[in-house]
């Protein structure tokens, strides 16, 4: 897991990235870790917004942001150079105002709002 591009001031945001080995995927480790990192960024660091960018074909990572209730904001075309090509990424985000009780608390208490993602038909 990484937290990058931490910006203070009028932007007050960061970007989170994550990966987990397949042998332990599906055990709730990733959403728990992402939720804890988001809560830390909101409550301790004092940021307003956290963004997560995911390749469209990465269903497992998309499921993590769905579990945590991040908003789908759109598509970054040709965003990151991976495996000798520029790859598109979906953008998901959440603000501290949207998760005032904490991201982890929302998830554990099953208080995630039902979100319809426009890229899912």
PDB file of N, CA and C in Angstrom:
ATOM      1  N   UNK A   1       0.847  -1.170   0.000  1.00  0.00           N
ATOM      2  CA  UNK A   1       0.000   0.000   0.000  1.00  0.00           C
ATOM      3  C   UNK A   1       0.881   1.218   0.000  1.00  0.00           C
ATOM      4  N   UNK A   2       0.429   2.259  -0.697  1.00  0.00           N
ATOM      5  CA  UNK A   2       1.161   3.514  -0.648  1.00  0.00           C
ATOM      6  C   UNK A   2       0.199   4.682  -0.609  1.00  0.00           C
ATOM      7  N   UNK A   3       0.668   5.744  -0.005  1.00  0.00           N
ATOM      8  CA  UNK A   3      -0.044   7.013  -0.013  1.00  0.00           C
ATOM      9  C   UNK A   3       0.910   7.998  -0.668  1.00  0.00           C
ATOM     10  N   UNK A   4       0.483   8.588  -1.773  1.00  0.00           N
ATOM     11  CA  UNK A   4       1.371   9.433  -2.558  1.00  0.00           C
ATOM     12  C   UNK A   4       0.695  10.760  -2.900  1.00  0.00           C
ATOM     13  N   UNK A   5       1.502  11.632  -3.457  1.00  0.00           N
ATOM     14  CA  UNK A   5       1.012  12.944  -3.914  1.00  0.00           C
ATOM     15  C   UNK A   5       0.220  13.660  -2.822  1.00  0.00           C
ATOM     16  N   UNK A   6       0.746  13.656  -1.625  1.00  0.00           N
ATOM     17  CA  UNK A   6       0.083  14.336  -0.511  1.00  0.00           C
ATOM     18  C   UNK A   6       0.241  15.836  -0.710  1.00  0.00           C
ATOM     19  N   UNK A   7      -0.879  16.523  -0.826  1.00  0.00           N
ATOM     20  CA  UNK A   7      -0.887  17.968  -1.023  1.00  0.00           C
ATOM     21  C   UNK A   7      -1.686  18.624   0.086  1.00  0.00           C
ATOM     22  N   UNK A   8      -1.129  19.658   0.661  1.00  0.00           N
ATOM     23  CA  UNK A   8      -1.826  20.421   1.698  1.00  0.00           C
ATOM     24  C   UNK A   8      -2.359  21.714   1.081  1.00  0.00           C
ATOM     25  N   UNK A   9      -2.862  22.589   1.882  1.00  0.00           N
ATOM     26  CA  UNK A   9      -3.367  23.861   1.381  1.00  0.00           C
ATOM     27  C   UNK A   9      -4.715  23.707   0.709  1.00  0.00           C
ATOM     28  N   UNK A  10      -4.920  24.448  -0.372  1.00  0.00           N
ATOM     29  CA  UNK A  10      -6.238  24.482  -1.002  1.00  0.00           C
ATOM     30  C   UNK A  10      -6.611  23.168  -1.689  1.00  0.00           C
ATOM     31  N   UNK A  11      -5.644  22.330  -2.028  1.00  0.00           N
ATOM     32  CA  UNK A  11      -5.959  21.031  -2.638  1.00  0.00           C
ATOM     33  C   UNK A  11      -6.278  19.998  -1.556  1.00  0.00           C
ATOM     34  N   UNK A  12      -5.439  19.865  -0.550  1.00  0.00           N
ATOM     35  CA  UNK A  12      -5.656  19.009   0.613  1.00  0.00           C
ATOM     36  C   UNK A  12      -6.111  17.603   0.243  1.00  0.00           C
ATOM     37  N   UNK A  13      -5.246  16.897  -0.501  1.00  0.00           N
ATOM     38  CA  UNK A  13      -5.630  15.573  -0.962  1.00  0.00           C
ATOM     39  C   UNK A  13      -4.419  14.658  -1.090  1.00  0.00           C
ATOM     40  N   UNK A  14      -4.694  13.382  -1.386  1.00  0.00           N
ATOM     41  CA  UNK A  14      -3.647  12.393  -1.654  1.00  0.00           C
ATOM     42  C   UNK A  14      -4.228  11.317  -2.547  1.00  0.00           C
ATOM     43  N   UNK A  15      -3.331  10.440  -3.006  1.00  0.00           N
ATOM     44  CA  UNK A  15      -3.725   9.298  -3.820  1.00  0.00           C
ATOM     45  C   UNK A  15      -3.245   8.030  -3.112  1.00  0.00           C
ATOM     46  N   UNK A  16      -4.124   7.043  -3.010  1.00  0.00           N
ATOM     47  CA  UNK A  16      -3.777   5.767  -2.391  1.00  0.00           C
ATOM     48  C   UNK A  16      -3.701   4.697  -3.477  1.00  0.00           C
ATOM     49  N   UNK A  17      -2.690   3.836  -3.344  1.00  0.00           N
ATOM     50  CA  UNK A  17      -2.554   2.676  -4.211  1.00  0.00           C
ATOM     51  C   UNK A  17      -2.363   1.425  -3.370  1.00  0.00           C
ATOM     52  N   UNK A  18      -2.757   0.285  -3.896  1.00  0.00           N
ATOM     53  CA  UNK A  18      -2.638  -0.947  -3.113  1.00  0.00           C
ATOM     54  C   UNK A  18      -2.530  -2.163  -4.021  1.00  0.00           C
ATOM     55  N   UNK A  19      -1.996  -3.228  -3.448  1.00  0.00           N
ATOM     56  CA  UNK A  19      -1.861  -4.521  -4.119  1.00  0.00           C
ATOM     57  C   UNK A  19      -1.763  -5.571  -3.030  1.00  0.00           C
ATOM     58  N   UNK A  20      -2.284  -6.754  -3.301  1.00  0.00           N
ATOM     59  CA  UNK A  20      -2.194  -7.836  -2.334  1.00  0.00           C
ATOM     60  C   UNK A  20      -1.925  -9.150  -3.081  1.00  0.00           C
ATOM     61  N   UNK A  21      -1.206 -10.052  -2.446  1.00  0.00           N
ATOM     62  CA  UNK A  21      -0.922 -11.329  -3.094  1.00  0.00           C
ATOM     63  C   UNK A  21      -2.214 -12.143  -3.207  1.00  0.00           C
ATOM     64  N   UNK A  22      -2.366 -12.867  -4.299  1.00  0.00           N
ATOM     65  CA  UNK A  22      -3.614 -13.613  -4.525  1.00  0.00           C
ATOM     66  C   UNK A  22      -3.960 -14.598  -3.409  1.00  0.00           C
ATOM     67  N   UNK A  23      -2.960 -15.142  -2.734  1.00  0.00           N
ATOM     68  CA  UNK A  23      -3.217 -16.148  -1.702  1.00  0.00           C
ATOM     69  C   UNK A  23      -4.044 -15.621  -0.526  1.00  0.00           C
ATOM     70  N   UNK A  24      -4.034 -14.328  -0.289  1.00  0.00           N
ATOM     71  CA  UNK A  24      -4.807 -13.780   0.830  1.00  0.00           C
ATOM     72  C   UNK A  24      -5.876 -12.781   0.371  1.00  0.00           C
ATOM     73  N   UNK A  25      -6.054 -12.669  -0.939  1.00  0.00           N
ATOM     74  CA  UNK A  25      -7.106 -11.784  -1.461  1.00  0.00           C
ATOM     75  C   UNK A  25      -8.466 -12.313  -1.026  1.00  0.00           C
ATOM     76  N   UNK A  26      -9.394 -11.418  -0.798  1.00  0.00           N
ATOM     77  CA  UNK A  26     -10.748 -11.806  -0.427  1.00  0.00           C
ATOM     78  C   UNK A  26     -10.971 -12.010   1.060  1.00  0.00           C
ATOM     79  N   UNK A  27      -9.943 -11.744   1.871  1.00  0.00           N
ATOM     80  CA  UNK A  27     -10.079 -11.917   3.321  1.00  0.00           C
ATOM     81  C   UNK A  27     -10.415 -10.615   4.047  1.00  0.00           C
ATOM     82  N   UNK A  28     -10.611  -9.537   3.299  1.00  0.00           N
ATOM     83  CA  UNK A  28     -10.928  -8.253   3.918  1.00  0.00           C
ATOM     84  C   UNK A  28      -9.711  -7.444   4.318  1.00  0.00           C
ATOM     85  N   UNK A  29      -8.524  -7.926   4.003  1.00  0.00           N
ATOM     86  CA  UNK A  29      -7.295  -7.217   4.381  1.00  0.00           C
ATOM     87  C   UNK A  29      -7.180  -5.894   3.643  1.00  0.00           C
ATOM     88  N   UNK A  30      -7.400  -5.907   2.329  1.00  0.00           N
ATOM     89  CA  UNK A  30      -7.217  -4.689   1.533  1.00  0.00           C
ATOM     90  C   UNK A  30      -8.219  -3.602   1.908  1.00  0.00           C
ATOM     91  N   UNK A  31      -9.527  -3.884   1.948  1.00  0.00           N
ATOM     92  CA  UNK A  31     -10.434  -2.802   2.335  1.00  0.00           C
ATOM     93  C   UNK A  31     -10.171  -2.273   3.749  1.00  0.00           C
ATOM     94  N   UNK A  32      -9.765  -3.169   4.652  1.00  0.00           N
ATOM     95  CA  UNK A  32      -9.444  -2.720   6.008  1.00  0.00           C
ATOM     96  C   UNK A  32      -8.239  -1.783   5.991  1.00  0.00           C
ATOM     97  N   UNK A  33      -7.186  -2.174   5.281  1.00  0.00           N
ATOM     98  CA  UNK A  33      -5.983  -1.345   5.211  1.00  0.00           C
ATOM     99  C   UNK A  33      -6.263  -0.005   4.535  1.00  0.00           C
ATOM    100  N   UNK A  34      -7.029  -0.032   3.458  1.00  0.00           N
ATOM    101  CA  UNK A  34      -7.353   1.219   2.750  1.00  0.00           C
ATOM    102  C   UNK A  34      -8.201   2.120   3.642  1.00  0.00           C
ATOM    103  N   UNK A  35      -9.180   1.548   4.318  1.00  0.00           N
ATOM    104  CA  UNK A  35     -10.025   2.334   5.220  1.00  0.00           C
ATOM    105  C   UNK A  35      -9.206   2.963   6.343  1.00  0.00           C
ATOM    106  N   UNK A  36      -8.286   2.193   6.931  1.00  0.00           N
ATOM    107  CA  UNK A  36      -7.431   2.730   8.000  1.00  0.00           C
ATOM    108  C   UNK A  36      -6.545   3.862   7.480  1.00  0.00           C
ATOM    109  N   UNK A  37      -5.980   3.682   6.297  1.00  0.00           N
ATOM    110  CA  UNK A  37      -5.137   4.724   5.716  1.00  0.00           C
ATOM    111  C   UNK A  37      -5.951   5.981   5.421  1.00  0.00           C
ATOM    112  N   UNK A  38      -7.156   5.803   4.907  1.00  0.00           N
ATOM    113  CA  UNK A  38      -8.014   6.960   4.623  1.00  0.00           C
ATOM    114  C   UNK A  38      -8.372   7.691   5.918  1.00  0.00           C
ATOM    115  N   UNK A  39      -8.737   6.944   6.940  1.00  0.00           N
ATOM    116  CA  UNK A  39      -9.062   7.574   8.223  1.00  0.00           C
ATOM    117  C   UNK A  39      -7.865   8.353   8.765  1.00  0.00           C
ATOM    118  N   UNK A  40      -6.683   7.799   8.625  1.00  0.00           N
ATOM    119  CA  UNK A  40      -5.472   8.497   9.078  1.00  0.00           C
ATOM    120  C   UNK A  40      -5.265   9.789   8.284  1.00  0.00           C
ATOM    121  N   UNK A  41      -5.441   9.708   6.983  1.00  0.00           N
ATOM    122  CA  UNK A  41      -5.268  10.901   6.137  1.00  0.00           C
ATOM    123  C   UNK A  41      -6.294  11.979   6.501  1.00  0.00           C
ATOM    124  N   UNK A  42      -7.514  11.570   6.771  1.00  0.00           N
ATOM    125  CA  UNK A  42      -8.566  12.532   7.121  1.00  0.00           C
ATOM    126  C   UNK A  42      -8.396  13.084   8.540  1.00  0.00           C
ATOM    127  N   UNK A  43      -8.245  12.205   9.501  1.00  0.00           N
ATOM    128  CA  UNK A  43      -8.308  12.616  10.909  1.00  0.00           C
ATOM    129  C   UNK A  43      -6.979  13.069  11.498  1.00  0.00           C
ATOM    130  N   UNK A  44      -5.867  12.486  11.076  1.00  0.00           N
ATOM    131  CA  UNK A  44      -4.561  12.842  11.649  1.00  0.00           C
ATOM    132  C   UNK A  44      -3.831  13.852  10.766  1.00  0.00           C
ATOM    133  N   UNK A  45      -3.723  13.542   9.489  1.00  0.00           N
ATOM    134  CA  UNK A  45      -3.020  14.437   8.570  1.00  0.00           C
ATOM    135  C   UNK A  45      -3.875  15.664   8.251  1.00  0.00           C
ATOM    136  N   UNK A  46      -5.184  15.512   8.294  1.00  0.00           N
ATOM    137  CA  UNK A  46      -6.081  16.641   8.076  1.00  0.00           C
ATOM    138  C   UNK A  46      -6.425  16.907   6.624  1.00  0.00           C
ATOM    139  N   UNK A  47      -6.295  15.895   5.768  1.00  0.00           N
ATOM    140  CA  UNK A  47      -6.633  16.088   4.358  1.00  0.00           C
ATOM    141  C   UNK A  47      -8.139  16.077   4.163  1.00  0.00           C
ATOM    142  N   UNK A  48      -8.563  16.654   3.057  1.00  0.00           N
ATOM    143  CA  UNK A  48      -9.987  16.741   2.737  1.00  0.00           C
ATOM    144  C   UNK A  48     -10.441  15.640   1.780  1.00  0.00           C
ATOM    145  N   UNK A  49      -9.533  15.165   0.905  1.00  0.00           N
ATOM    146  CA  UNK A  49      -9.933  14.254  -0.176  1.00  0.00           C
ATOM    147  C   UNK A  49      -8.879  13.165  -0.383  1.00  0.00           C
ATOM    148  N   UNK A  50      -9.369  11.940  -0.620  1.00  0.00           N
ATOM    149  CA  UNK A  50      -8.508  10.822  -0.987  1.00  0.00           C
ATOM    150  C   UNK A  50      -8.990  10.291  -2.331  1.00  0.00           C
ATOM    151  N   UNK A  51      -8.027  10.041  -3.219  1.00  0.00           N
ATOM    152  CA  UNK A  51      -8.334   9.530  -4.552  1.00  0.00           C
ATOM    153  C   UNK A  51      -7.669   8.168  -4.727  1.00  0.00           C
ATOM    154  N   UNK A  52      -8.357   7.286  -5.449  1.00  0.00           N
ATOM    155  CA  UNK A  52      -7.804   5.989  -5.819  1.00  0.00           C
ATOM    156  C   UNK A  52      -8.045   5.813  -7.318  1.00  0.00           C
ATOM    157  N   UNK A  53      -6.978   5.514  -8.060  1.00  0.00           N
ATOM    158  CA  UNK A  53      -7.053   5.340  -9.504  1.00  0.00           C
ATOM    159  C   UNK A  53      -6.836   3.864  -9.833  1.00  0.00           C
ATOM    160  N   UNK A  54      -7.743   3.295 -10.660  1.00  0.00           N
ATOM    161  CA  UNK A  54      -7.737   1.849 -10.905  1.00  0.00           C
ATOM    162  C   UNK A  54      -7.925   1.573 -12.395  1.00  0.00           C
ATOM    163  N   UNK A  55      -7.132   0.635 -12.903  1.00  0.00           N
ATOM    164  CA  UNK A  55      -7.307   0.213 -14.294  1.00  0.00           C
ATOM    165  C   UNK A  55      -8.683  -0.423 -14.469  1.00  0.00           C
ATOM    166  N   UNK A  56      -9.375  -0.117 -15.561  1.00  0.00           N
ATOM    167  CA  UNK A  56     -10.751  -0.614 -15.755  1.00  0.00           C
ATOM    168  C   UNK A  56     -10.901  -2.128 -15.666  1.00  0.00           C
ATOM    169  N   UNK A  57      -9.882  -2.882 -16.042  1.00  0.00           N
ATOM    170  CA  UNK A  57      -9.995  -4.340 -16.013  1.00  0.00           C
ATOM    171  C   UNK A  57      -9.707  -4.938 -14.633  1.00  0.00           C
ATOM    172  N   UNK A  58      -9.335  -4.122 -13.659  1.00  0.00           N
ATOM    173  CA  UNK A  58      -8.969  -4.620 -12.334  1.00  0.00           C
ATOM    174  C   UNK A  58     -10.212  -4.710 -11.431  1.00  0.00           C
ATOM    175  N   UNK A  59     -10.994  -5.752 -11.667  1.00  0.00           N
ATOM    176  CA  UNK A  59     -12.259  -5.924 -10.933  1.00  0.00           C
ATOM    177  C   UNK A  59     -12.071  -6.048  -9.424  1.00  0.00           C
ATOM    178  N   UNK A  60     -11.004  -6.714  -8.995  1.00  0.00           N
ATOM    179  CA  UNK A  60     -10.778  -6.888  -7.554  1.00  0.00           C
ATOM    180  C   UNK A  60     -10.561  -5.543  -6.868  1.00  0.00           C
ATOM    181  N   UNK A  61      -9.778  -4.662  -7.479  1.00  0.00           N
ATOM    182  CA  UNK A  61      -9.546  -3.343  -6.881  1.00  0.00           C
ATOM    183  C   UNK A  61     -10.793  -2.473  -6.939  1.00  0.00           C
ATOM    184  N   UNK A  62     -11.566  -2.611  -8.005  1.00  0.00           N
ATOM    185  CA  UNK A  62     -12.825  -1.861  -8.100  1.00  0.00           C
ATOM    186  C   UNK A  62     -13.766  -2.304  -6.984  1.00  0.00           C
ATOM    187  N   UNK A  63     -13.762  -3.582  -6.688  1.00  0.00           N
ATOM    188  CA  UNK A  63     -14.617  -4.095  -5.604  1.00  0.00           C
ATOM    189  C   UNK A  63     -14.229  -3.484  -4.260  1.00  0.00           C
ATOM    190  N   UNK A  64     -12.948  -3.214  -4.047  1.00  0.00           N
ATOM    191  CA  UNK A  64     -12.502  -2.582  -2.794  1.00  0.00           C
ATOM    192  C   UNK A  64     -13.136  -1.195  -2.659  1.00  0.00           C
ATOM    193  N   UNK A  65     -13.068  -0.374  -3.707  1.00  0.00           N
ATOM    194  CA  UNK A  65     -13.637   0.977  -3.597  1.00  0.00           C
ATOM    195  C   UNK A  65     -15.154   0.937  -3.487  1.00  0.00           C
ATOM    196  N   UNK A  66     -15.774  -0.079  -4.110  1.00  0.00           N
ATOM    197  CA  UNK A  66     -17.230  -0.236  -3.949  1.00  0.00           C
ATOM    198  C   UNK A  66     -17.575  -0.558  -2.503  1.00  0.00           C
ATOM    199  N   UNK A  67     -16.816  -1.480  -1.896  1.00  0.00           N
ATOM    200  CA  UNK A  67     -17.068  -1.843  -0.495  1.00  0.00           C
ATOM    201  C   UNK A  67     -16.960  -0.637   0.425  1.00  0.00           C
ATOM    202  N   UNK A  68     -16.041   0.279   0.102  1.00  0.00           N
ATOM    203  CA  UNK A  68     -15.795   1.434   0.969  1.00  0.00           C
ATOM    204  C   UNK A  68     -16.615   2.659   0.575  1.00  0.00           C
ATOM    205  N   UNK A  69     -17.369   2.570  -0.510  1.00  0.00           N
ATOM    206  CA  UNK A  69     -18.282   3.642  -0.889  1.00  0.00           C
ATOM    207  C   UNK A  69     -17.634   4.859  -1.515  1.00  0.00           C
ATOM    208  N   UNK A  70     -16.515   4.675  -2.226  1.00  0.00           N
ATOM    209  CA  UNK A  70     -15.913   5.817  -2.914  1.00  0.00           C
ATOM    210  C   UNK A  70     -16.729   6.160  -4.158  1.00  0.00           C
ATOM    211  N   UNK A  71     -16.782   7.430  -4.473  1.00  0.00           N
ATOM    212  CA  UNK A  71     -17.484   7.922  -5.660  1.00  0.00           C
ATOM    213  C   UNK A  71     -16.675   7.650  -6.914  1.00  0.00           C
ATOM    214  N   UNK A  72     -17.331   7.260  -7.994  1.00  0.00           N
ATOM    215  CA  UNK A  72     -16.695   7.178  -9.301  1.00  0.00           C
ATOM    216  C   UNK A  72     -16.712   8.576  -9.898  1.00  0.00           C
ATOM    217  N   UNK A  73     -15.559   9.051 -10.334  1.00  0.00           N
ATOM    218  CA  UNK A  73     -15.478  10.412 -10.870  1.00  0.00           C
ATOM    219  C   UNK A  73     -15.177  10.480 -12.355  1.00  0.00           C
ATOM    220  N   UNK A  74     -14.742   9.382 -12.948  1.00  0.00           N
ATOM    221  CA  UNK A  74     -14.482   9.426 -14.377  1.00  0.00           C
ATOM    222  C   UNK A  74     -13.280   8.597 -14.778  1.00  0.00           C
ATOM    223  N   UNK A  75     -12.795   8.871 -15.984  1.00  0.00           N
ATOM    224  CA  UNK A  75     -11.710   8.105 -16.581  1.00  0.00           C
ATOM    225  C   UNK A  75     -10.534   9.021 -16.895  1.00  0.00           C
ATOM    226  N   UNK A  76      -9.354   8.621 -16.455  1.00  0.00           N
ATOM    227  CA  UNK A  76      -8.115   9.287 -16.851  1.00  0.00           C
ATOM    228  C   UNK A  76      -7.541   8.483 -18.015  1.00  0.00           C
ATOM    229  N   UNK A  77      -7.577   9.041 -19.198  1.00  0.00           N
ATOM    230  CA  UNK A  77      -7.096   8.329 -20.373  1.00  0.00           C
ATOM    231  C   UNK A  77      -5.578   8.364 -20.458  1.00  0.00           C
ATOM    232  N   UNK A  78      -4.989   7.224 -20.814  1.00  0.00           N
ATOM    233  CA  UNK A  78      -3.533   7.128 -20.984  1.00  0.00           C
ATOM    234  C   UNK A  78      -2.789   7.709 -19.786  1.00  0.00           C
ATOM    235  N   UNK A  79      -3.187   7.319 -18.599  1.00  0.00           N
ATOM    236  CA  UNK A  79      -2.725   7.961 -17.363  1.00  0.00           C
ATOM    237  C   UNK A  79      -1.356   7.490 -16.884  1.00  0.00           C
ATOM    238  N   UNK A  80      -1.117   6.158 -16.857  1.00  0.00           N
ATOM    239  CA  UNK A  80       0.138   5.638 -16.318  1.00  0.00           C
ATOM    240  C   UNK A  80       0.754   4.668 -17.327  1.00  0.00           C
ATOM    241  N   UNK A  81       2.059   4.781 -17.496  1.00  0.00           N
ATOM    242  CA  UNK A  81       2.772   3.911 -18.423  1.00  0.00           C
ATOM    243  C   UNK A  81       3.104   2.590 -17.717  1.00  0.00           C
ATOM    244  N   UNK A  82       2.442   1.500 -18.144  1.00  0.00           N
ATOM    245  CA  UNK A  82       2.588   0.180 -17.535  1.00  0.00           C
ATOM    246  C   UNK A  82       2.761  -0.847 -18.653  1.00  0.00           C
ATOM    247  N   UNK A  83       3.744  -1.725 -18.503  1.00  0.00           N
ATOM    248  CA  UNK A  83       3.977  -2.788 -19.491  1.00  0.00           C
ATOM    249  C   UNK A  83       4.067  -2.235 -20.915  1.00  0.00           C
ATOM    250  N   UNK A  84       4.870  -1.205 -21.078  1.00  0.00           N
ATOM    251  CA  UNK A  84       5.158  -0.622 -22.388  1.00  0.00           C
ATOM    252  C   UNK A  84       3.983   0.026 -23.095  1.00  0.00           C
ATOM    253  N   UNK A  85       2.980   0.446 -22.331  1.00  0.00           N
ATOM    254  CA  UNK A  85       1.852   1.142 -22.940  1.00  0.00           C
ATOM    255  C   UNK A  85       1.218   2.079 -21.913  1.00  0.00           C
ATOM    256  N   UNK A  86       0.563   3.112 -22.409  1.00  0.00           N
ATOM    257  CA  UNK A  86      -0.155   4.043 -21.540  1.00  0.00           C
ATOM    258  C   UNK A  86      -1.516   3.456 -21.227  1.00  0.00           C
ATOM    259  N   UNK A  87      -1.844   3.351 -19.945  1.00  0.00           N
ATOM    260  CA  UNK A  87      -3.068   2.673 -19.502  1.00  0.00           C
ATOM    261  C   UNK A  87      -4.080   3.659 -18.917  1.00  0.00           C
ATOM    262  N   UNK A  88      -5.336   3.433 -19.275  1.00  0.00           N
ATOM    263  CA  UNK A  88      -6.438   4.210 -18.707  1.00  0.00           C
ATOM    264  C   UNK A  88      -6.648   3.800 -17.253  1.00  0.00           C
ATOM    265  N   UNK A  89      -7.196   4.722 -16.461  1.00  0.00           N
ATOM    266  CA  UNK A  89      -7.543   4.438 -15.068  1.00  0.00           C
ATOM    267  C   UNK A  89      -8.863   5.121 -14.726  1.00  0.00           C
ATOM    268  N   UNK A  90      -9.714   4.386 -14.024  1.00  0.00           N
ATOM    269  CA  UNK A  90     -10.899   4.996 -13.428  1.00  0.00           C
ATOM    270  C   UNK A  90     -10.454   5.788 -12.206  1.00  0.00           C
ATOM    271  N   UNK A  91     -11.160   6.865 -11.911  1.00  0.00           N
ATOM    272  CA  UNK A  91     -10.880   7.691 -10.744  1.00  0.00           C
ATOM    273  C   UNK A  91     -12.023   7.520  -9.742  1.00  0.00           C
ATOM    274  N   UNK A  92     -11.663   7.213  -8.501  1.00  0.00           N
ATOM    275  CA  UNK A  92     -12.618   7.121  -7.398  1.00  0.00           C
ATOM    276  C   UNK A  92     -12.126   8.050  -6.297  1.00  0.00           C
ATOM    277  N   UNK A  93     -13.059   8.636  -5.538  1.00  0.00           N
ATOM    278  CA  UNK A  93     -12.635   9.546  -4.474  1.00  0.00           C
ATOM    279  C   UNK A  93     -13.665   9.574  -3.351  1.00  0.00           C
ATOM    280  N   UNK A  94     -13.204  10.105  -2.225  1.00  0.00           N
ATOM    281  CA  UNK A  94     -14.051  10.311  -1.061  1.00  0.00           C
ATOM    282  C   UNK A  94     -13.493  11.507  -0.306  1.00  0.00           C
ATOM    283  N   UNK A  95     -14.375  12.314   0.239  1.00  0.00           N
ATOM    284  CA  UNK A  95     -13.933  13.448   1.050  1.00  0.00           C
ATOM    285  C   UNK A  95     -14.194  13.159   2.523  1.00  0.00           C
ATOM    286  N   UNK A  96     -13.518  13.904   3.357  1.00  0.00           N
ATOM    287  CA  UNK A  96     -13.697  13.739   4.800  1.00  0.00           C
ATOM    288  C   UNK A  96     -15.141  14.022   5.205  1.00  0.00           C
ATOM    289  N   UNK A  97     -15.800  14.935   4.508  1.00  0.00           N
ATOM    290  CA  UNK A  97     -17.202  15.245   4.811  1.00  0.00           C
ATOM    291  C   UNK A  97     -18.117  14.047   4.556  1.00  0.00           C
ATOM    292  N   UNK A  98     -17.778  13.245   3.557  1.00  0.00           N
ATOM    293  CA  UNK A  98     -18.604  12.084   3.207  1.00  0.00           C
ATOM    294  C   UNK A  98     -18.429  10.932   4.193  1.00  0.00           C
ATOM    295  N   UNK A  99     -17.344  10.962   4.940  1.00  0.00           N
ATOM    296  CA  UNK A  99     -17.058   9.868   5.879  1.00  0.00           C
ATOM    297  C   UNK A  99     -16.715  10.425   7.246  1.00  0.00           C
ATOM    298  N   UNK A 100     -17.553  11.303   7.747  1.00  0.00           N
ATOM    299  CA  UNK A 100     -17.248  11.978   9.019  1.00  0.00           C
ATOM    300  C   UNK A 100     -17.169  11.008  10.201  1.00  0.00           C
ATOM    301  N   UNK A 101     -17.847   9.860  10.108  1.00  0.00           N
ATOM    302  CA  UNK A 101     -17.778   8.870  11.184  1.00  0.00           C
ATOM    303  C   UNK A 101     -16.592   7.924  11.020  1.00  0.00           C
ATOM    304  N   UNK A 102     -15.853   8.082   9.927  1.00  0.00           N
ATOM    305  CA  UNK A 102     -14.698   7.235   9.651  1.00  0.00           C
ATOM    306  C   UNK A 102     -15.001   6.218   8.568  1.00  0.00           C
ATOM    307  N   UNK A 103     -14.062   6.012   7.677  1.00  0.00           N
ATOM    308  CA  UNK A 103     -14.254   5.060   6.582  1.00  0.00           C
ATOM    309  C   UNK A 103     -14.352   3.639   7.125  1.00  0.00           C
ATOM    310  N   UNK A 104     -13.479   3.286   8.040  1.00  0.00           N
ATOM    311  CA  UNK A 104     -13.530   1.946   8.619  1.00  0.00           C
ATOM    312  C   UNK A 104     -14.844   1.713   9.354  1.00  0.00           C
ATOM    313  N   UNK A 105     -15.285   2.680  10.137  1.00  0.00           N
ATOM    314  CA  UNK A 105     -16.560   2.546  10.848  1.00  0.00           C
ATOM    315  C   UNK A 105     -17.719   2.348   9.884  1.00  0.00           C
ATOM    316  N   UNK A 106     -17.755   3.151   8.816  1.00  0.00           N
ATOM    317  CA  UNK A 106     -18.832   3.016   7.821  1.00  0.00           C
ATOM    318  C   UNK A 106     -18.868   1.607   7.260  1.00  0.00           C
ATOM    319  N   UNK A 107     -17.688   1.074   6.931  1.00  0.00           N
ATOM    320  CA  UNK A 107     -17.619  -0.251   6.307  1.00  0.00           C
ATOM    321  C   UNK A 107     -18.018  -1.345   7.301  1.00  0.00           C
ATOM    322  N   UNK A 108     -17.449  -1.310   8.498  1.00  0.00           N
ATOM    323  CA  UNK A 108     -17.748  -2.352   9.488  1.00  0.00           C
ATOM    324  C   UNK A 108     -19.210  -2.333   9.933  1.00  0.00           C
ATOM    325  N   UNK A 109     -19.780  -1.147   9.988  1.00  0.00           N
ATOM    326  CA  UNK A 109     -21.188  -1.020  10.405  1.00  0.00           C
ATOM    327  C   UNK A 109     -22.160  -1.184   9.244  1.00  0.00           C
ATOM    328  N   UNK A 110     -21.620  -1.450   8.046  1.00  0.00           N
ATOM    329  CA  UNK A 110     -22.442  -1.613   6.843  1.00  0.00           C
ATOM    330  C   UNK A 110     -23.284  -0.364   6.571  1.00  0.00           C
ATOM    331  N   UNK A 111     -22.661   0.801   6.740  1.00  0.00           N
ATOM    332  CA  UNK A 111     -23.330   2.088   6.508  1.00  0.00           C
ATOM    333  C   UNK A 111     -22.879   2.738   5.199  1.00  0.00           C
ATOM    334  N   UNK A 112     -22.394   1.932   4.275  1.00  0.00           N
ATOM    335  CA  UNK A 112     -21.945   2.453   2.988  1.00  0.00           C
ATOM    336  C   UNK A 112     -23.168   2.755   2.140  1.00  0.00           C
ATOM    337  N   UNK A 113     -23.268   3.986   1.626  1.00  0.00           N
ATOM    338  CA  UNK A 113     -24.408   4.296   0.761  1.00  0.00           C
ATOM    339  C   UNK A 113     -24.355   3.464  -0.516  1.00  0.00           C
ATOM    340  N   UNK A 114     -25.499   3.077  -1.013  1.00  0.00           N
ATOM    341  CA  UNK A 114     -25.586   2.322  -2.267  1.00  0.00           C
ATOM    342  C   UNK A 114     -25.252   3.283  -3.402  1.00  0.00           C
ATOM    343  N   UNK A 115     -24.211   2.929  -4.150  1.00  0.00           N
ATOM    344  CA  UNK A 115     -23.745   3.782  -5.247  1.00  0.00           C
ATOM    345  C   UNK A 115     -23.903   3.024  -6.548  1.00  0.00           C
ATOM    346  N   UNK A 116     -24.473   3.693  -7.546  1.00  0.00           N
ATOM    347  CA  UNK A 116     -24.564   3.112  -8.878  1.00  0.00           C
ATOM    348  C   UNK A 116     -23.415   3.694  -9.704  1.00  0.00           C
ATOM    349  N   UNK A 117     -22.504   2.840 -10.136  1.00  0.00           N
ATOM    350  CA  UNK A 117     -21.354   3.292 -10.908  1.00  0.00           C
ATOM    351  C   UNK A 117     -21.736   3.351 -12.385  1.00  0.00           C
ATOM    352  N   UNK A 118     -21.540   4.522 -12.993  1.00  0.00           N
ATOM    353  CA  UNK A 118     -21.980   4.743 -14.375  1.00  0.00           C
ATOM    354  C   UNK A 118     -21.229   3.890 -15.385  1.00  0.00           C
ATOM    355  N   UNK A 119     -20.035   3.403 -15.057  1.00  0.00           N
ATOM    356  CA  UNK A 119     -19.306   2.568 -16.006  1.00  0.00           C
ATOM    357  C   UNK A 119     -19.830   1.128 -15.996  1.00  0.00           C
ATOM    358  N   UNK A 120     -20.635   0.776 -15.006  1.00  0.00           N
ATOM    359  CA  UNK A 120     -21.244  -0.560 -14.948  1.00  0.00           C
ATOM    360  C   UNK A 120     -22.641  -0.460 -15.548  1.00  0.00           C
ATOM    361  N   UNK A 121     -22.840  -1.145 -16.602  1.00  0.00           N
ATOM    362  CA  UNK A 121     -24.164  -1.084 -17.276  1.00  0.00           C
ATOM    363  C   UNK A 121     -25.044  -2.216 -16.839  1.00  0.00           C
TER     364      UNK A 121
END
